[in-house]
Amino acid sequence: MIDRDLLESGMAQPEASVELVRPSREQAEEAVRTLIAWAGDDPTREGLLETPARVARAWEEFFAGYGMDPEEVLRKTFEETDGYDEMVTVRDIRLESHCEHHLVPIVGRAHVAYLPDRRVVGLSKLARVVEIFAKRMQIQEKLTVQIADSIDRVLAPKGVAVVIEAAHECMTTRGVRKHESMTVTSRMTGEFRSNPATRREFLAMIGHR
């Protein structure tokens, strides 16, 4: 075990992360029964008998991104572009994720753009990358960075821009209950970061001043 004081002082490195052992479906369903009982209901009553199995199936959908590789999705590219070198933008990509702090929904939209450097990727692949990272337990800031940086690494374009606008149920349905609040995050690389005109063009395309 590494001493915490040494770790915080920079004199020691954290241990390599331990490989997670995934519980069985039966264990997952039993955990749901425990939560139902903890909430104050009877998991054996008729209306709740099938709930643990339904929740397990729902979680397979909610968190399917853990079993997918977003960078593999991006690797099939096309060089026959007839010299196209302007911005490629896909806006208003529906985004559904879950807050890693409370496991409640994050719902919004993502806008993704890149400046090609000889290669382009299928437009649906950009939406797919958003979906893969969203189908994990997330915070919006990290989600924004992951989308942008994976596109940047694989396509090696002249720049990438990602803006996410989303509502967080951890703020709208509990806690401060600010029902109309929206969180906006952005990540800019390359030309989008260094060239104000390119950044303004992108923001105009997605309807931001």
Protein backbone atom coordinates (compact mmCIF):
# COMPACT_ATOMS: atom_id res chain seq x y z
CA MET A 1 0.00 0.00 0.00
CA ILE A 2 1.42 3.40 -0.95
CA ASP A 3 1.56 5.98 1.83
CA ARG A 4 -0.91 8.81 1.03
CA ASP A 5 1.54 11.50 2.22
CA LEU A 6 4.19 10.22 -0.18
CA LEU A 7 1.69 10.05 -3.01
CA GLU A 8 0.49 13.61 -2.49
CA SER A 9 4.08 14.87 -2.27
CA GLY A 10 4.87 13.36 -5.66
CA MET A 11 7.47 10.93 -4.29
CA ALA A 12 5.43 7.85 -5.06
CA GLN A 13 3.29 6.71 -7.96
CA PRO A 14 -0.22 5.27 -7.58
CA GLU A 15 -0.57 1.55 -8.01
CA ALA A 16 -1.81 0.23 -11.33
CA SER A 17 -5.59 0.01 -11.39
CA VAL A 18 -6.92 -3.39 -10.40
CA GLU A 19 -8.84 -5.21 -13.11
CA LEU A 20 -12.52 -5.16 -12.27
CA VAL A 21 -14.37 -8.44 -11.88
CA ARG A 22 -17.84 -8.02 -13.33
CA PRO A 23 -20.58 -9.42 -11.09
CA SER A 24 -23.02 -11.94 -12.49
CA ARG A 25 -26.50 -10.95 -13.65
CA GLU A 26 -27.90 -12.76 -10.61
CA GLN A 27 -25.74 -10.63 -8.33
CA ALA A 28 -26.84 -7.47 -10.15
CA GLU A 29 -30.51 -8.39 -9.79
CA GLU A 30 -30.04 -9.16 -6.11
CA ALA A 31 -28.48 -5.71 -5.66
CA VAL A 32 -31.61 -4.16 -7.18
CA ARG A 33 -33.78 -6.11 -4.75
CA THR A 34 -31.68 -4.75 -1.90
CA LEU A 35 -32.17 -1.18 -3.11
CA ILE A 36 -35.91 -1.68 -3.49
CA ALA A 37 -36.10 -2.93 0.10
CA TRP A 38 -33.86 -0.07 1.29
CA ALA A 39 -36.23 2.41 -0.40
CA GLY A 40 -39.04 0.98 1.68
CA ASP A 41 -40.92 -1.39 -0.63
CA ASP A 42 -41.28 -5.14 -0.87
CA PRO A 43 -39.27 -6.61 -3.78
CA THR A 44 -41.36 -9.79 -3.62
CA ARG A 45 -44.70 -8.13 -4.32
CA GLU A 46 -46.26 -8.75 -7.73
CA GLY A 47 -45.54 -5.36 -9.28
CA LEU A 48 -41.85 -5.54 -8.38
CA LEU A 49 -41.06 -9.21 -9.03
CA GLU A 50 -39.70 -8.60 -12.52
CA THR A 51 -38.16 -5.20 -11.75
CA PRO A 52 -34.64 -6.47 -10.97
CA ALA A 53 -34.42 -8.25 -14.34
CA ARG A 54 -35.79 -5.19 -16.13
CA VAL A 55 -33.30 -2.92 -14.41
CA ALA A 56 -30.40 -5.21 -15.37
CA ARG A 57 -31.51 -5.15 -19.02
CA ALA A 58 -31.89 -1.38 -18.89
CA TRP A 59 -28.37 -0.99 -17.49
CA GLU A 60 -27.03 -3.07 -20.38
CA GLU A 61 -28.42 -0.38 -22.67
CA PHE A 62 -27.53 2.62 -20.51
CA PHE A 63 -23.88 1.58 -20.15
CA ALA A 64 -23.23 -0.28 -23.40
CA GLY A 65 -20.34 2.09 -24.14
CA TYR A 66 -18.01 0.22 -21.82
CA GLY A 67 -17.92 -2.66 -24.30
CA MET A 68 -17.17 -0.49 -27.35
CA ASP A 69 -14.01 1.14 -28.70
CA PRO A 70 -14.74 4.64 -30.06
CA GLU A 71 -11.36 4.89 -31.76
CA GLU A 72 -11.97 1.69 -33.70
CA VAL A 73 -15.16 3.28 -35.05
CA LEU A 74 -13.14 6.20 -36.43
CA ARG A 75 -10.37 4.22 -38.12
CA LYS A 76 -12.17 3.68 -41.44
CA THR A 77 -11.57 6.92 -43.32
CA PHE A 78 -11.79 8.16 -46.91
CA GLU A 79 -9.21 10.10 -48.91
CA GLU A 80 -11.31 10.68 -52.05
CA THR A 81 -12.59 14.12 -51.10
CA ASP A 82 -11.82 16.08 -54.31
CA GLY A 83 -9.71 18.41 -52.22
CA TYR A 84 -12.39 19.27 -49.68
CA ASP A 85 -10.65 20.99 -46.76
CA GLU A 86 -13.39 23.06 -45.13
CA MET A 87 -15.09 22.43 -41.81
CA VAL A 88 -17.21 19.30 -41.35
CA THR A 89 -19.91 19.86 -38.72
CA VAL A 90 -22.56 17.54 -37.30
CA ARG A 91 -24.82 19.44 -34.94
CA ASP A 92 -27.69 18.56 -32.63
CA ILE A 93 -26.57 14.99 -31.93
CA ARG A 94 -28.98 13.65 -29.31
CA LEU A 95 -27.08 12.77 -26.14
CA GLU A 96 -28.27 10.58 -23.27
CA SER A 97 -25.87 9.75 -20.47
CA HIS A 98 -25.82 9.21 -16.71
CA CYS A 99 -24.18 11.33 -14.03
CA GLU A 100 -21.50 9.29 -12.28
CA HIS A 101 -22.23 11.02 -8.96
CA HIS A 102 -25.94 10.19 -8.66
CA LEU A 103 -26.60 7.80 -11.58
CA VAL A 104 -29.41 9.99 -12.89
CA PRO A 105 -29.84 11.03 -16.53
CA ILE A 106 -27.96 13.70 -18.44
CA VAL A 107 -29.94 14.63 -21.55
CA GLY A 108 -28.91 17.09 -24.22
CA ARG A 109 -27.17 17.48 -27.54
CA ALA A 110 -23.65 17.54 -28.86
CA HIS A 111 -22.19 19.54 -31.75
CA VAL A 112 -19.03 18.11 -33.33
CA ALA A 113 -16.78 19.59 -36.01
CA TYR A 114 -13.35 18.96 -37.48
CA LEU A 115 -11.10 20.42 -40.18
CA PRO A 116 -9.95 17.51 -42.40
CA ASP A 117 -6.33 17.00 -43.30
CA ARG A 118 -6.59 14.79 -46.41
CA ARG A 119 -8.93 12.26 -44.73
CA VAL A 120 -12.60 12.33 -43.78
CA VAL A 121 -14.72 9.91 -41.81
CA GLY A 122 -18.32 8.83 -42.28
CA LEU A 123 -20.64 11.36 -40.64
CA SER A 124 -22.49 8.68 -38.68
CA LYS A 125 -19.18 7.73 -37.06
CA LEU A 126 -19.02 11.09 -35.30
CA ALA A 127 -22.48 10.54 -33.83
CA ARG A 128 -21.43 7.00 -32.88
CA VAL A 129 -18.42 8.27 -30.95
CA VAL A 130 -20.68 10.62 -29.00
CA GLU A 131 -23.00 7.73 -28.20
CA ILE A 132 -20.23 5.37 -27.07
CA PHE A 133 -18.76 7.82 -24.59
CA ALA A 134 -22.24 8.91 -23.44
CA LYS A 135 -23.20 5.31 -22.67
CA ARG A 136 -20.89 5.33 -19.66
CA MET A 137 -21.03 6.89 -16.21
CA GLN A 138 -19.92 10.43 -16.90
CA ILE A 139 -19.44 14.02 -15.97
CA GLN A 140 -20.08 16.41 -18.83
CA GLU A 141 -16.64 17.97 -18.73
CA LYS A 142 -14.89 14.61 -19.15
CA LEU A 143 -17.36 13.50 -21.81
CA THR A 144 -16.59 16.60 -23.89
CA VAL A 145 -12.84 16.02 -23.69
CA GLN A 146 -13.10 12.30 -24.51
CA ILE A 147 -15.11 12.93 -27.68
CA ALA A 148 -12.82 15.67 -28.95
CA ASP A 149 -9.55 13.97 -28.10
CA SER A 150 -10.47 10.61 -29.62
CA ILE A 151 -11.35 12.31 -32.93
CA ASP A 152 -8.13 14.31 -32.75
CA ARG A 153 -5.96 11.24 -32.11
CA VAL A 154 -7.42 9.02 -34.83
CA LEU A 155 -8.14 11.46 -37.67
CA ALA A 156 -5.20 13.81 -36.98
CA PRO A 157 -7.18 16.73 -38.45
CA LYS A 158 -6.26 20.41 -38.41
CA GLY A 159 -8.58 20.89 -35.50
CA VAL A 160 -11.57 19.52 -33.59
CA ALA A 161 -14.42 21.33 -31.84
CA VAL A 162 -17.02 19.83 -29.52
CA VAL A 163 -19.78 21.68 -27.68
CA ILE A 164 -22.26 19.89 -25.42
CA GLU A 165 -25.45 21.41 -24.02
CA ALA A 166 -27.26 19.25 -21.48
CA ALA A 167 -29.65 19.18 -18.57
CA HIS A 168 -28.62 17.21 -15.48
CA GLU A 169 -31.33 15.58 -13.42
CA CYS A 170 -29.05 15.73 -10.40
CA MET A 171 -29.79 19.48 -10.57
CA THR A 172 -33.31 19.51 -11.98
CA THR A 173 -35.09 16.73 -10.04
CA ARG A 174 -33.16 16.78 -6.75
CA GLY A 175 -30.83 19.02 -4.78
CA VAL A 176 -31.14 22.65 -5.94
CA ARG A 177 -34.00 21.74 -8.36
CA LYS A 178 -33.13 24.34 -10.99
CA HIS A 179 -35.47 23.00 -13.65
CA GLU A 180 -34.46 25.33 -16.50
CA SER A 181 -30.70 25.07 -16.04
CA MET A 182 -28.49 23.91 -18.92
CA THR A 183 -24.79 23.11 -18.73
CA VAL A 184 -22.60 24.03 -21.70
CA THR A 185 -19.08 22.66 -22.13
CA SER A 186 -16.61 22.91 -25.00
CA ARG A 187 -13.32 21.50 -26.19
CA MET A 188 -11.32 23.09 -29.02
CA THR A 189 -8.09 21.79 -30.54
CA GLY A 190 -5.83 22.94 -33.37
CA GLU A 191 -7.30 25.65 -35.59
CA PHE A 192 -10.42 25.93 -33.48
CA ARG A 193 -8.32 26.89 -30.49
CA SER A 194 -5.71 29.06 -32.18
CA ASN A 195 -7.80 30.79 -34.88
CA PRO A 196 -10.63 33.00 -33.57
CA ALA A 197 -12.23 33.20 -37.03
CA THR A 198 -12.49 29.41 -37.31
CA ARG A 199 -13.95 29.20 -33.83
CA ARG A 200 -16.50 31.92 -34.60
CA GLU A 201 -17.51 30.13 -37.81
CA PHE A 202 -18.17 26.92 -35.89
CA LEU A 203 -20.12 28.66 -33.14
CA ALA A 204 -22.24 30.45 -35.78
CA MET A 205 -22.98 27.13 -37.46
CA ILE A 206 -24.37 25.67 -34.25
CA GLY A 207 -26.30 28.81 -33.35
CA HIS A 208 -24.01 30.24 -30.68
CA ARG A 209 -22.84 33.81 -30.73
